[in-house]
Amino acid sequence: HRTLTHTWLWAVLIGAGASVLAITGGRWAVLGILFAHIVLAIE
């Protein structure tokens, strides 16, 4: 806890990964990103 996932490098990697997934995976990838993060936002 509070190690790898709490670093700037992790933030950059997951942000970049999400962007790549969004532009290569089509509508279903966008829906998956939205769904996962809206669940977390509500929680």
PDB file of all heavy atoms in Angstrom:
ATOM      1  N   HIS A   1       0.829  -1.207   0.000  1.00  0.00           N
ATOM      2  CA  HIS A   1       0.000   0.000   0.000  1.00  0.00           C
ATOM      3  C   HIS A   1       0.864   1.258   0.000  1.00  0.00           C
ATOM      4  O   HIS A   1       1.870   1.345   0.692  1.00  0.00           O
ATOM      5  CB  HIS A   1      -0.926  -0.002   1.215  1.00  0.00           C
ATOM      6  CG  HIS A   1      -1.849   1.179   1.254  1.00  0.00           C
ATOM      7  ND1 HIS A   1      -2.529   1.636   0.149  1.00  0.00           N
ATOM      8  CD2 HIS A   1      -2.201   2.009   2.279  1.00  0.00           C
ATOM      9  CE1 HIS A   1      -3.269   2.678   0.490  1.00  0.00           C
ATOM     10  NE2 HIS A   1      -3.081   2.930   1.766  1.00  0.00           N
ATOM     11  N   ARG A   2       0.416   2.225  -0.795  1.00  0.00           N
ATOM     12  CA  ARG A   2       1.114   3.509  -0.966  1.00  0.00           C
ATOM     13  C   ARG A   2       2.535   3.325  -1.495  1.00  0.00           C
ATOM     14  O   ARG A   2       3.475   3.945  -1.015  1.00  0.00           O
ATOM     15  CB  ARG A   2       1.136   4.315   0.335  1.00  0.00           C
ATOM     16  CG  ARG A   2      -0.209   4.934   0.669  1.00  0.00           C
ATOM     17  CD  ARG A   2      -0.078   6.132   1.582  1.00  0.00           C
ATOM     18  NE  ARG A   2      -1.380   6.610   1.999  1.00  0.00           N
ATOM     19  CZ  ARG A   2      -1.580   7.666   2.776  1.00  0.00           C
ATOM     20  NH1 ARG A   2      -0.540   8.342   3.231  1.00  0.00           N
ATOM     21  NH2 ARG A   2      -2.787   8.041   3.112  1.00  0.00           N
ATOM     22  N   THR A   3       2.653   2.474  -2.488  1.00  0.00           N
ATOM     23  CA  THR A   3       3.948   2.339  -3.161  1.00  0.00           C
ATOM     24  C   THR A   3       3.740   2.564  -4.666  1.00  0.00           C
ATOM     25  O   THR A   3       3.536   3.692  -5.092  1.00  0.00           O
ATOM     26  CB  THR A   3       4.603   0.984  -2.862  1.00  0.00           C
ATOM     27  OG1 THR A   3       3.700  -0.087  -3.185  1.00  0.00           O
ATOM     28  CG2 THR A   3       4.973   0.877  -1.386  1.00  0.00           C
ATOM     29  N   LEU A   4       3.775   1.527  -5.458  1.00  0.00           N
ATOM     30  CA  LEU A   4       3.799   1.657  -6.911  1.00  0.00           C
ATOM     31  C   LEU A   4       2.633   2.474  -7.467  1.00  0.00           C
ATOM     32  O   LEU A   4       2.826   3.331  -8.336  1.00  0.00           O
ATOM     33  CB  LEU A   4       3.797   0.260  -7.543  1.00  0.00           C
ATOM     34  CG  LEU A   4       3.784   0.206  -9.073  1.00  0.00           C
ATOM     35  CD1 LEU A   4       5.018   0.879  -9.647  1.00  0.00           C
ATOM     36  CD2 LEU A   4       3.669  -1.234  -9.546  1.00  0.00           C
ATOM     37  N   THR A   5       1.414   2.203  -7.022  1.00  0.00           N
ATOM     38  CA  THR A   5       0.239   2.880  -7.590  1.00  0.00           C
ATOM     39  C   THR A   5       0.094   4.318  -7.103  1.00  0.00           C
ATOM     40  O   THR A   5      -0.810   5.021  -7.551  1.00  0.00           O
ATOM     41  CB  THR A   5      -1.051   2.111  -7.266  1.00  0.00           C
ATOM     42  OG1 THR A   5      -1.227   2.060  -5.846  1.00  0.00           O
ATOM     43  CG2 THR A   5      -0.996   0.698  -7.822  1.00  0.00           C
ATOM     44  N   HIS A   6       0.970   4.746  -6.209  1.00  0.00           N
ATOM     45  CA  HIS A   6       0.920   6.109  -5.683  1.00  0.00           C
ATOM     46  C   HIS A   6       2.103   6.938  -6.186  1.00  0.00           C
ATOM     47  O   HIS A   6       2.655   7.763  -5.463  1.00  0.00           O
ATOM     48  CB  HIS A   6       0.914   6.087  -4.152  1.00  0.00           C
ATOM     49  CG  HIS A   6      -0.389   5.633  -3.567  1.00  0.00           C
ATOM     50  ND1 HIS A   6      -0.853   4.343  -3.702  1.00  0.00           N
ATOM     51  CD2 HIS A   6      -1.330   6.301  -2.843  1.00  0.00           C
ATOM     52  CE1 HIS A   6      -2.024   4.236  -3.084  1.00  0.00           C
ATOM     53  NE2 HIS A   6      -2.341   5.405  -2.568  1.00  0.00           N
ATOM     54  N   THR A   7       2.466   6.732  -7.452  1.00  0.00           N
ATOM     55  CA  THR A   7       3.599   7.439  -8.040  1.00  0.00           C
ATOM     56  C   THR A   7       3.179   8.135  -9.332  1.00  0.00           C
ATOM     57  O   THR A   7       2.184   7.768  -9.962  1.00  0.00           O
ATOM     58  CB  THR A   7       4.742   6.463  -8.362  1.00  0.00           C
ATOM     59  OG1 THR A   7       4.315   5.544  -9.389  1.00  0.00           O
ATOM     60  CG2 THR A   7       5.157   5.682  -7.117  1.00  0.00           C
ATOM     61  N   TRP A   8       3.960   9.138  -9.722  1.00  0.00           N
ATOM     62  CA  TRP A   8       3.670   9.860 -10.966  1.00  0.00           C
ATOM     63  C   TRP A   8       3.781   8.931 -12.167  1.00  0.00           C
ATOM     64  O   TRP A   8       3.015   9.074 -13.130  1.00  0.00           O
ATOM     65  CB  TRP A   8       4.620  11.048 -11.132  1.00  0.00           C
ATOM     66  CG  TRP A   8       6.048  10.648 -11.413  1.00  0.00           C
ATOM     67  CD1 TRP A   8       7.040  10.413 -10.511  1.00  0.00           C
ATOM     68  CD2 TRP A   8       6.621  10.394 -12.701  1.00  0.00           C
ATOM     69  NE1 TRP A   8       8.202  10.031 -11.140  1.00  0.00           N
ATOM     70  CE2 TRP A   8       7.976  10.026 -12.486  1.00  0.00           C
ATOM     71  CE3 TRP A   8       6.138  10.447 -14.011  1.00  0.00           C
ATOM     72  CZ2 TRP A   8       8.836   9.702 -13.542  1.00  0.00           C
ATOM     73  CZ3 TRP A   8       6.998  10.128 -15.053  1.00  0.00           C
ATOM     74  CH2 TRP A   8       8.334   9.771 -14.820  1.00  0.00           C
ATOM     75  N   LEU A   9       4.699   7.976 -12.114  1.00  0.00           N
ATOM     76  CA  LEU A   9       4.898   7.076 -13.243  1.00  0.00           C
ATOM     77  C   LEU A   9       3.668   6.211 -13.469  1.00  0.00           C
ATOM     78  O   LEU A   9       3.238   5.999 -14.615  1.00  0.00           O
ATOM     79  CB  LEU A   9       6.128   6.207 -12.998  1.00  0.00           C
ATOM     80  CG  LEU A   9       6.517   5.250 -14.129  1.00  0.00           C
ATOM     81  CD1 LEU A   9       6.772   6.011 -15.421  1.00  0.00           C
ATOM     82  CD2 LEU A   9       7.739   4.426 -13.739  1.00  0.00           C
ATOM     83  N   TRP A  10       3.082   5.702 -12.395  1.00  0.00           N
ATOM     84  CA  TRP A  10       1.862   4.908 -12.509  1.00  0.00           C
ATOM     85  C   TRP A  10       0.745   5.755 -13.112  1.00  0.00           C
ATOM     86  O   TRP A  10       0.007   5.292 -13.988  1.00  0.00           O
ATOM     87  CB  TRP A  10       1.451   4.379 -11.145  1.00  0.00           C
ATOM     88  CG  TRP A  10       0.162   3.621 -11.130  1.00  0.00           C
ATOM     89  CD1 TRP A  10      -1.091   4.138 -10.962  1.00  0.00           C
ATOM     90  CD2 TRP A  10      -0.020   2.215 -11.320  1.00  0.00           C
ATOM     91  NE1 TRP A  10      -2.035   3.153 -11.008  1.00  0.00           N
ATOM     92  CE2 TRP A  10      -1.412   1.957 -11.225  1.00  0.00           C
ATOM     93  CE3 TRP A  10       0.854   1.148 -11.532  1.00  0.00           C
ATOM     94  CZ2 TRP A  10      -1.937   0.685 -11.350  1.00  0.00           C
ATOM     95  CZ3 TRP A  10       0.315  -0.127 -11.666  1.00  0.00           C
ATOM     96  CH2 TRP A  10      -1.059  -0.351 -11.574  1.00  0.00           C
ATOM     97  N   ALA A  11       0.612   7.000 -12.652  1.00  0.00           N
ATOM     98  CA  ALA A  11      -0.435   7.891 -13.161  1.00  0.00           C
ATOM     99  C   ALA A  11      -0.284   8.106 -14.661  1.00  0.00           C
ATOM    100  O   ALA A  11      -1.268   8.052 -15.415  1.00  0.00           O
ATOM    101  CB  ALA A  11      -0.385   9.222 -12.416  1.00  0.00           C
ATOM    102  N   VAL A  12       0.935   8.337 -15.109  1.00  0.00           N
ATOM    103  CA  VAL A  12       1.185   8.550 -16.536  1.00  0.00           C
ATOM    104  C   VAL A  12       0.857   7.292 -17.328  1.00  0.00           C
ATOM    105  O   VAL A  12       0.221   7.348 -18.396  1.00  0.00           O
ATOM    106  CB  VAL A  12       2.646   8.971 -16.767  1.00  0.00           C
ATOM    107  CG1 VAL A  12       2.984   8.950 -18.251  1.00  0.00           C
ATOM    108  CG2 VAL A  12       2.892  10.362 -16.195  1.00  0.00           C
ATOM    109  N   LEU A  13       1.271   6.144 -16.823  1.00  0.00           N
ATOM    110  CA  LEU A  13       1.057   4.888 -17.547  1.00  0.00           C
ATOM    111  C   LEU A  13      -0.432   4.548 -17.681  1.00  0.00           C
ATOM    112  O   LEU A  13      -0.883   4.133 -18.760  1.00  0.00           O
ATOM    113  CB  LEU A  13       1.801   3.741 -16.853  1.00  0.00           C
ATOM    114  CG  LEU A  13       3.327   3.776 -16.960  1.00  0.00           C
ATOM    115  CD1 LEU A  13       3.946   2.648 -16.135  1.00  0.00           C
ATOM    116  CD2 LEU A  13       3.765   3.671 -18.416  1.00  0.00           C
ATOM    117  N   ILE A  14      -1.202   4.707 -16.613  1.00  0.00           N
ATOM    118  CA  ILE A  14      -2.620   4.356 -16.721  1.00  0.00           C
ATOM    119  C   ILE A  14      -3.375   5.382 -17.562  1.00  0.00           C
ATOM    120  O   ILE A  14      -4.314   5.037 -18.285  1.00  0.00           O
ATOM    121  CB  ILE A  14      -3.286   4.184 -15.338  1.00  0.00           C
ATOM    122  CG1 ILE A  14      -3.240   5.474 -14.516  1.00  0.00           C
ATOM    123  CG2 ILE A  14      -2.666   3.032 -14.568  1.00  0.00           C
ATOM    124  CD1 ILE A  14      -4.104   5.419 -13.276  1.00  0.00           C
ATOM    125  N   GLY A  15      -2.966   6.661 -17.488  1.00  0.00           N
ATOM    126  CA  GLY A  15      -3.595   7.670 -18.332  1.00  0.00           C
ATOM    127  C   GLY A  15      -3.315   7.411 -19.800  1.00  0.00           C
ATOM    128  O   GLY A  15      -4.226   7.436 -20.643  1.00  0.00           O
ATOM    129  N   ALA A  16      -2.051   7.133 -20.118  1.00  0.00           N
ATOM    130  CA  ALA A  16      -1.684   6.842 -21.504  1.00  0.00           C
ATOM    131  C   ALA A  16      -2.344   5.559 -21.992  1.00  0.00           C
ATOM    132  O   ALA A  16      -2.820   5.475 -23.134  1.00  0.00           O
ATOM    133  CB  ALA A  16      -0.164   6.736 -21.621  1.00  0.00           C
ATOM    134  N   GLY A  17      -2.387   4.554 -21.124  1.00  0.00           N
ATOM    135  CA  GLY A  17      -3.020   3.300 -21.500  1.00  0.00           C
ATOM    136  C   GLY A  17      -4.496   3.471 -21.812  1.00  0.00           C
ATOM    137  O   GLY A  17      -5.017   2.879 -22.764  1.00  0.00           O
ATOM    138  N   ALA A  18      -5.176   4.284 -21.011  1.00  0.00           N
ATOM    139  CA  ALA A  18      -6.600   4.534 -21.248  1.00  0.00           C
ATOM    140  C   ALA A  18      -6.816   5.267 -22.567  1.00  0.00           C
ATOM    141  O   ALA A  18      -7.765   4.970 -23.305  1.00  0.00           O
ATOM    142  CB  ALA A  18      -7.190   5.329 -20.093  1.00  0.00           C
ATOM    143  N   SER A  19      -5.949   6.220 -22.886  1.00  0.00           N
ATOM    144  CA  SER A  19      -6.071   6.945 -24.152  1.00  0.00           C
ATOM    145  C   SER A  19      -5.882   6.013 -25.339  1.00  0.00           C
ATOM    146  O   SER A  19      -6.634   6.059 -26.315  1.00  0.00           O
ATOM    147  CB  SER A  19      -5.039   8.079 -24.209  1.00  0.00           C
ATOM    148  OG  SER A  19      -5.385   9.132 -23.336  1.00  0.00           O
ATOM    149  N   VAL A  20      -4.865   5.157 -25.263  1.00  0.00           N
ATOM    150  CA  VAL A  20      -4.620   4.196 -26.343  1.00  0.00           C
ATOM    151  C   VAL A  20      -5.802   3.246 -26.494  1.00  0.00           C
ATOM    152  O   VAL A  20      -6.261   2.958 -27.614  1.00  0.00           O
ATOM    153  CB  VAL A  20      -3.320   3.411 -26.086  1.00  0.00           C
ATOM    154  CG1 VAL A  20      -3.175   2.263 -27.083  1.00  0.00           C
ATOM    155  CG2 VAL A  20      -2.115   4.335 -26.159  1.00  0.00           C
ATOM    156  N   LEU A  21      -6.328   2.765 -25.372  1.00  0.00           N
ATOM    157  CA  LEU A  21      -7.479   1.859 -25.416  1.00  0.00           C
ATOM    158  C   LEU A  21      -8.690   2.546 -26.034  1.00  0.00           C
ATOM    159  O   LEU A  21      -9.421   1.943 -26.833  1.00  0.00           O
ATOM    160  CB  LEU A  21      -7.805   1.384 -24.000  1.00  0.00           C
ATOM    161  CG  LEU A  21      -8.986   0.421 -23.852  1.00  0.00           C
ATOM    162  CD1 LEU A  21      -8.701  -0.874 -24.599  1.00  0.00           C
ATOM    163  CD2 LEU A  21      -9.241   0.127 -22.370  1.00  0.00           C
ATOM    164  N   ALA A  22      -8.887   3.827 -25.683  1.00  0.00           N
ATOM    165  CA  ALA A  22     -10.058   4.552 -26.170  1.00  0.00           C
ATOM    166  C   ALA A  22     -10.027   4.745 -27.685  1.00  0.00           C
ATOM    167  O   ALA A  22     -11.070   4.653 -28.350  1.00  0.00           O
ATOM    168  CB  ALA A  22     -10.159   5.908 -25.476  1.00  0.00           C
ATOM    169  N   ILE A  23      -8.845   5.008 -28.252  1.00  0.00           N
ATOM    170  CA  ILE A  23      -8.777   5.283 -29.693  1.00  0.00           C
ATOM    171  C   ILE A  23      -8.596   4.021 -30.532  1.00  0.00           C
ATOM    172  O   ILE A  23      -8.785   4.055 -31.741  1.00  0.00           O
ATOM    173  CB  ILE A  23      -7.667   6.302 -30.023  1.00  0.00           C
ATOM    174  CG1 ILE A  23      -6.284   5.757 -29.676  1.00  0.00           C
ATOM    175  CG2 ILE A  23      -7.930   7.621 -29.331  1.00  0.00           C
ATOM    176  CD1 ILE A  23      -5.153   6.675 -30.111  1.00  0.00           C
ATOM    177  N   THR A  24      -8.238   2.916 -29.904  1.00  0.00           N
ATOM    178  CA  THR A  24      -8.054   1.672 -30.655  1.00  0.00           C
ATOM    179  C   THR A  24      -9.173   0.665 -30.420  1.00  0.00           C
ATOM    180  O   THR A  24      -9.408  -0.203 -31.261  1.00  0.00           O
ATOM    181  CB  THR A  24      -6.710   1.007 -30.295  1.00  0.00           C
ATOM    182  OG1 THR A  24      -6.686   0.705 -28.886  1.00  0.00           O
ATOM    183  CG2 THR A  24      -5.543   1.917 -30.642  1.00  0.00           C
ATOM    184  N   GLY A  25      -9.846   0.779 -29.302  1.00  0.00           N
ATOM    185  CA  GLY A  25     -10.856  -0.222 -28.939  1.00  0.00           C
ATOM    186  C   GLY A  25     -12.259   0.097 -29.370  1.00  0.00           C
ATOM    187  O   GLY A  25     -13.166  -0.721 -29.178  1.00  0.00           O
ATOM    188  N   GLY A  26     -12.485   1.292 -29.910  1.00  0.00           N
ATOM    189  CA  GLY A  26     -13.811   1.632 -30.396  1.00  0.00           C
ATOM    190  C   GLY A  26     -14.812   1.947 -29.286  1.00  0.00           C
ATOM    191  O   GLY A  26     -14.449   2.173 -28.133  1.00  0.00           O
ATOM    192  N   ARG A  27     -16.067   1.899 -29.653  1.00  0.00           N
ATOM    193  CA  ARG A  27     -17.136   2.314 -28.736  1.00  0.00           C
ATOM    194  C   ARG A  27     -17.173   1.478 -27.463  1.00  0.00           C
ATOM    195  O   ARG A  27     -17.402   2.005 -26.375  1.00  0.00           O
ATOM    196  CB  ARG A  27     -18.486   2.234 -29.453  1.00  0.00           C
ATOM    197  CG  ARG A  27     -19.664   2.626 -28.555  1.00  0.00           C
ATOM    198  CD  ARG A  27     -20.969   2.626 -29.327  1.00  0.00           C
ATOM    199  NE  ARG A  27     -22.107   2.894 -28.454  1.00  0.00           N
ATOM    200  CZ  ARG A  27     -22.496   4.091 -28.047  1.00  0.00           C
ATOM    201  NH1 ARG A  27     -21.812   5.154 -28.423  1.00  0.00           N
ATOM    202  NH2 ARG A  27     -23.554   4.244 -27.268  1.00  0.00           N
ATOM    203  N   TRP A  28     -16.950   0.169 -27.583  1.00  0.00           N
ATOM    204  CA  TRP A  28     -17.048  -0.679 -26.395  1.00  0.00           C
ATOM    205  C   TRP A  28     -15.938  -0.382 -25.399  1.00  0.00           C
ATOM    206  O   TRP A  28     -16.138  -0.481 -24.179  1.00  0.00           O
ATOM    207  CB  TRP A  28     -17.046  -2.149 -26.793  1.00  0.00           C
ATOM    208  CG  TRP A  28     -18.332  -2.556 -27.443  1.00  0.00           C
ATOM    209  CD1 TRP A  28     -18.552  -2.829 -28.751  1.00  0.00           C
ATOM    210  CD2 TRP A  28     -19.606  -2.668 -26.789  1.00  0.00           C
ATOM    211  NE1 TRP A  28     -19.877  -3.120 -28.981  1.00  0.00           N
ATOM    212  CE2 TRP A  28     -20.547  -3.041 -27.792  1.00  0.00           C
ATOM    213  CE3 TRP A  28     -20.045  -2.518 -25.477  1.00  0.00           C
ATOM    214  CZ2 TRP A  28     -21.903  -3.246 -27.510  1.00  0.00           C
ATOM    215  CZ3 TRP A  28     -21.394  -2.730 -25.194  1.00  0.00           C
ATOM    216  CH2 TRP A  28     -22.301  -3.096 -26.196  1.00  0.00           C
ATOM    217  N   ALA A  29     -14.773  -0.004 -25.890  1.00  0.00           N
ATOM    218  CA  ALA A  29     -13.690   0.385 -24.981  1.00  0.00           C
ATOM    219  C   ALA A  29     -14.046   1.671 -24.249  1.00  0.00           C
ATOM    220  O   ALA A  29     -13.823   1.793 -23.041  1.00  0.00           O
ATOM    221  CB  ALA A  29     -12.383   0.567 -25.764  1.00  0.00           C
ATOM    222  N   VAL A  30     -14.618   2.627 -24.975  1.00  0.00           N
ATOM    223  CA  VAL A  30     -15.048   3.885 -24.348  1.00  0.00           C
ATOM    224  C   VAL A  30     -16.117   3.610 -23.300  1.00  0.00           C
ATOM    225  O   VAL A  30     -16.076   4.150 -22.185  1.00  0.00           O
ATOM    226  CB  VAL A  30     -15.559   4.871 -25.419  1.00  0.00           C
ATOM    227  CG1 VAL A  30     -16.201   6.093 -24.766  1.00  0.00           C
ATOM    228  CG2 VAL A  30     -14.422   5.307 -26.339  1.00  0.00           C
ATOM    229  N   LEU A  31     -17.068   2.757 -23.641  1.00  0.00           N
ATOM    230  CA  LEU A  31     -18.124   2.415 -22.681  1.00  0.00           C
ATOM    231  C   LEU A  31     -17.536   1.749 -21.437  1.00  0.00           C
ATOM    232  O   LEU A  31     -17.973   2.013 -20.312  1.00  0.00           O
ATOM    233  CB  LEU A  31     -19.148   1.488 -23.327  1.00  0.00           C
ATOM    234  CG  LEU A  31     -20.118   2.128 -24.318  1.00  0.00           C
ATOM    235  CD1 LEU A  31     -20.908   1.060 -25.065  1.00  0.00           C
ATOM    236  CD2 LEU A  31     -21.061   3.090 -23.588  1.00  0.00           C
ATOM    237  N   GLY A  32     -16.551   0.873 -21.628  1.00  0.00           N
ATOM    238  CA  GLY A  32     -15.929   0.217 -20.485  1.00  0.00           C
ATOM    239  C   GLY A  32     -15.219   1.198 -19.576  1.00  0.00           C
ATOM    240  O   GLY A  32     -15.321   1.111 -18.338  1.00  0.00           O
ATOM    241  N   ILE A  33     -14.497   2.149 -20.165  1.00  0.00           N
ATOM    242  CA  ILE A  33     -13.804   3.174 -19.369  1.00  0.00           C
ATOM    243  C   ILE A  33     -14.803   4.019 -18.603  1.00  0.00           C
ATOM    244  O   ILE A  33     -14.634   4.289 -17.411  1.00  0.00           O
ATOM    245  CB  ILE A  33     -12.928   4.049 -20.288  1.00  0.00           C
ATOM    246  CG1 ILE A  33     -11.764   3.231 -20.859  1.00  0.00           C
ATOM    247  CG2 ILE A  33     -12.399   5.267 -19.536  1.00  0.00           C
ATOM    248  CD1 ILE A  33     -10.994   3.936 -21.955  1.00  0.00           C
ATOM    249  N   LEU A  34     -15.872   4.425 -19.296  1.00  0.00           N
ATOM    250  CA  LEU A  34     -16.897   5.238 -18.631  1.00  0.00           C
ATOM    251  C   LEU A  34     -17.565   4.458 -17.505  1.00  0.00           C
ATOM    252  O   LEU A  34     -17.732   4.970 -16.390  1.00  0.00           O
ATOM    253  CB  LEU A  34     -17.944   5.693 -19.647  1.00  0.00           C
ATOM    254  CG  LEU A  34     -17.519   6.719 -20.695  1.00  0.00           C
ATOM    255  CD1 LEU A  34     -18.660   7.000 -21.651  1.00  0.00           C
ATOM    256  CD2 LEU A  34     -17.065   8.009 -20.023  1.00  0.00           C
ATOM    257  N   PHE A  35     -17.962   3.215 -17.784  1.00  0.00           N
ATOM    258  CA  PHE A  35     -18.651   2.415 -16.779  1.00  0.00           C
ATOM    259  C   PHE A  35     -17.796   2.244 -15.525  1.00  0.00           C
ATOM    260  O   PHE A  35     -18.268   2.481 -14.402  1.00  0.00           O
ATOM    261  CB  PHE A  35     -19.009   1.048 -17.356  1.00  0.00           C
ATOM    262  CG  PHE A  35     -19.497   0.060 -16.327  1.00  0.00           C
ATOM    263  CD1 PHE A  35     -20.767   0.180 -15.785  1.00  0.00           C
ATOM    264  CD2 PHE A  35     -18.683  -0.977 -15.892  1.00  0.00           C
ATOM    265  CE1 PHE A  35     -21.217  -0.719 -14.827  1.00  0.00           C
ATOM    266  CE2 PHE A  35     -19.130  -1.881 -14.936  1.00  0.00           C
ATOM    267  CZ  PHE A  35     -20.397  -1.750 -14.404  1.00  0.00           C
ATOM    268  N   ALA A  36     -16.548   1.836 -15.688  1.00  0.00           N
ATOM    269  CA  ALA A  36     -15.686   1.575 -14.531  1.00  0.00           C
ATOM    270  C   ALA A  36     -15.506   2.818 -13.683  1.00  0.00           C
ATOM    271  O   ALA A  36     -15.584   2.763 -12.444  1.00  0.00           O
ATOM    272  CB  ALA A  36     -14.328   1.065 -15.011  1.00  0.00           C
ATOM    273  N   HIS A  37     -15.305   3.956 -14.320  1.00  0.00           N
ATOM    274  CA  HIS A  37     -15.030   5.169 -13.549  1.00  0.00           C
ATOM    275  C   HIS A  37     -16.295   5.796 -12.967  1.00  0.00           C
ATOM    276  O   HIS A  37     -16.238   6.427 -11.904  1.00  0.00           O
ATOM    277  CB  HIS A  37     -14.253   6.165 -14.410  1.00  0.00           C
ATOM    278  CG  HIS A  37     -12.832   5.754 -14.629  1.00  0.00           C
ATOM    279  ND1 HIS A  37     -12.449   4.930 -15.662  1.00  0.00           N
ATOM    280  CD2 HIS A  37     -11.706   6.018 -13.903  1.00  0.00           C
ATOM    281  CE1 HIS A  37     -11.150   4.721 -15.587  1.00  0.00           C
ATOM    282  NE2 HIS A  37     -10.674   5.357 -14.535  1.00  0.00           N
ATOM    283  N   ILE A  38     -17.428   5.612 -13.633  1.00  0.00           N
ATOM    284  CA  ILE A  38     -18.673   6.105 -13.043  1.00  0.00           C
ATOM    285  C   ILE A  38     -19.034   5.282 -11.814  1.00  0.00           C
ATOM    286  O   ILE A  38     -19.509   5.834 -10.804  1.00  0.00           O
ATOM    287  CB  ILE A  38     -19.809   6.104 -14.090  1.00  0.00           C
ATOM    288  CG1 ILE A  38     -19.550   7.162 -15.157  1.00  0.00           C
ATOM    289  CG2 ILE A  38     -21.156   6.381 -13.415  1.00  0.00           C
ATOM    290  CD1 ILE A  38     -20.525   7.123 -16.323  1.00  0.00           C
ATOM    291  N   VAL A  39     -18.820   3.962 -11.873  1.00  0.00           N
ATOM    292  CA  VAL A  39     -19.028   3.140 -10.675  1.00  0.00           C
ATOM    293  C   VAL A  39     -18.185   3.663  -9.518  1.00  0.00           C
ATOM    294  O   VAL A  39     -18.673   3.853  -8.395  1.00  0.00           O
ATOM    295  CB  VAL A  39     -18.681   1.659 -10.952  1.00  0.00           C
ATOM    296  CG1 VAL A  39     -18.602   0.871  -9.639  1.00  0.00           C
ATOM    297  CG2 VAL A  39     -19.716   1.014 -11.853  1.00  0.00           C
ATOM    298  N   LEU A  40     -16.908   3.918  -9.788  1.00  0.00           N
ATOM    299  CA  LEU A  40     -16.019   4.405  -8.734  1.00  0.00           C
ATOM    300  C   LEU A  40     -16.450   5.785  -8.237  1.00  0.00           C
ATOM    301  O   LEU A  40     -16.375   6.074  -7.033  1.00  0.00           O
ATOM    302  CB  LEU A  40     -14.581   4.457  -9.242  1.00  0.00           C
ATOM    303  CG  LEU A  40     -13.921   3.110  -9.538  1.00  0.00           C
ATOM    304  CD1 LEU A  40     -12.516   3.316 -10.088  1.00  0.00           C
ATOM    305  CD2 LEU A  40     -13.871   2.244  -8.279  1.00  0.00           C
ATOM    306  N   ALA A  41     -16.891   6.650  -9.159  1.00  0.00           N
ATOM    307  CA  ALA A  41     -17.342   7.985  -8.754  1.00  0.00           C
ATOM    308  C   ALA A  41     -18.547   7.893  -7.821  1.00  0.00           C
ATOM    309  O   ALA A  41     -18.617   8.594  -6.799  1.00  0.00           O
ATOM    310  CB  ALA A  41     -17.677   8.820  -9.984  1.00  0.00           C
ATOM    311  N   ILE A  42     -19.499   7.021  -8.163  1.00  0.00           N
ATOM    312  CA  ILE A  42     -20.674   6.856  -7.306  1.00  0.00           C
ATOM    313  C   ILE A  42     -20.263   6.285  -5.956  1.00  0.00           C
ATOM    314  O   ILE A  42     -20.727   6.749  -4.903  1.00  0.00           O
ATOM    315  CB  ILE A  42     -21.706   5.938  -7.992  1.00  0.00           C
ATOM    316  CG1 ILE A  42     -22.247   6.586  -9.266  1.00  0.00           C
ATOM    317  CG2 ILE A  42     -22.870   5.633  -7.031  1.00  0.00           C
ATOM    318  CD1 ILE A  42     -23.098   5.654 -10.112  1.00  0.00           C
ATOM    319  N   GLU A  43     -19.399   5.283  -5.959  1.00  0.00           N
ATOM    320  CA  GLU A  43     -18.944   4.675  -4.707  1.00  0.00           C
ATOM    321  C   GLU A  43     -18.220   5.699  -3.834  1.00  0.00           C
ATOM    322  O   GLU A  43     -18.352   5.685  -2.606  1.00  0.00           O
ATOM    323  CB  GLU A  43     -17.998   3.499  -5.011  1.00  0.00           C
ATOM    324  CG  GLU A  43     -18.659   2.297  -5.649  1.00  0.00           C
ATOM    325  CD  GLU A  43     -19.371   1.414  -4.635  1.00  0.00           C
ATOM    326  OE1 GLU A  43     -19.333   1.728  -3.426  1.00  0.00           O
ATOM    327  OE2 GLU A  43     -19.967   0.409  -5.062  1.00  0.00           O
TER     328      GLU A  43
END
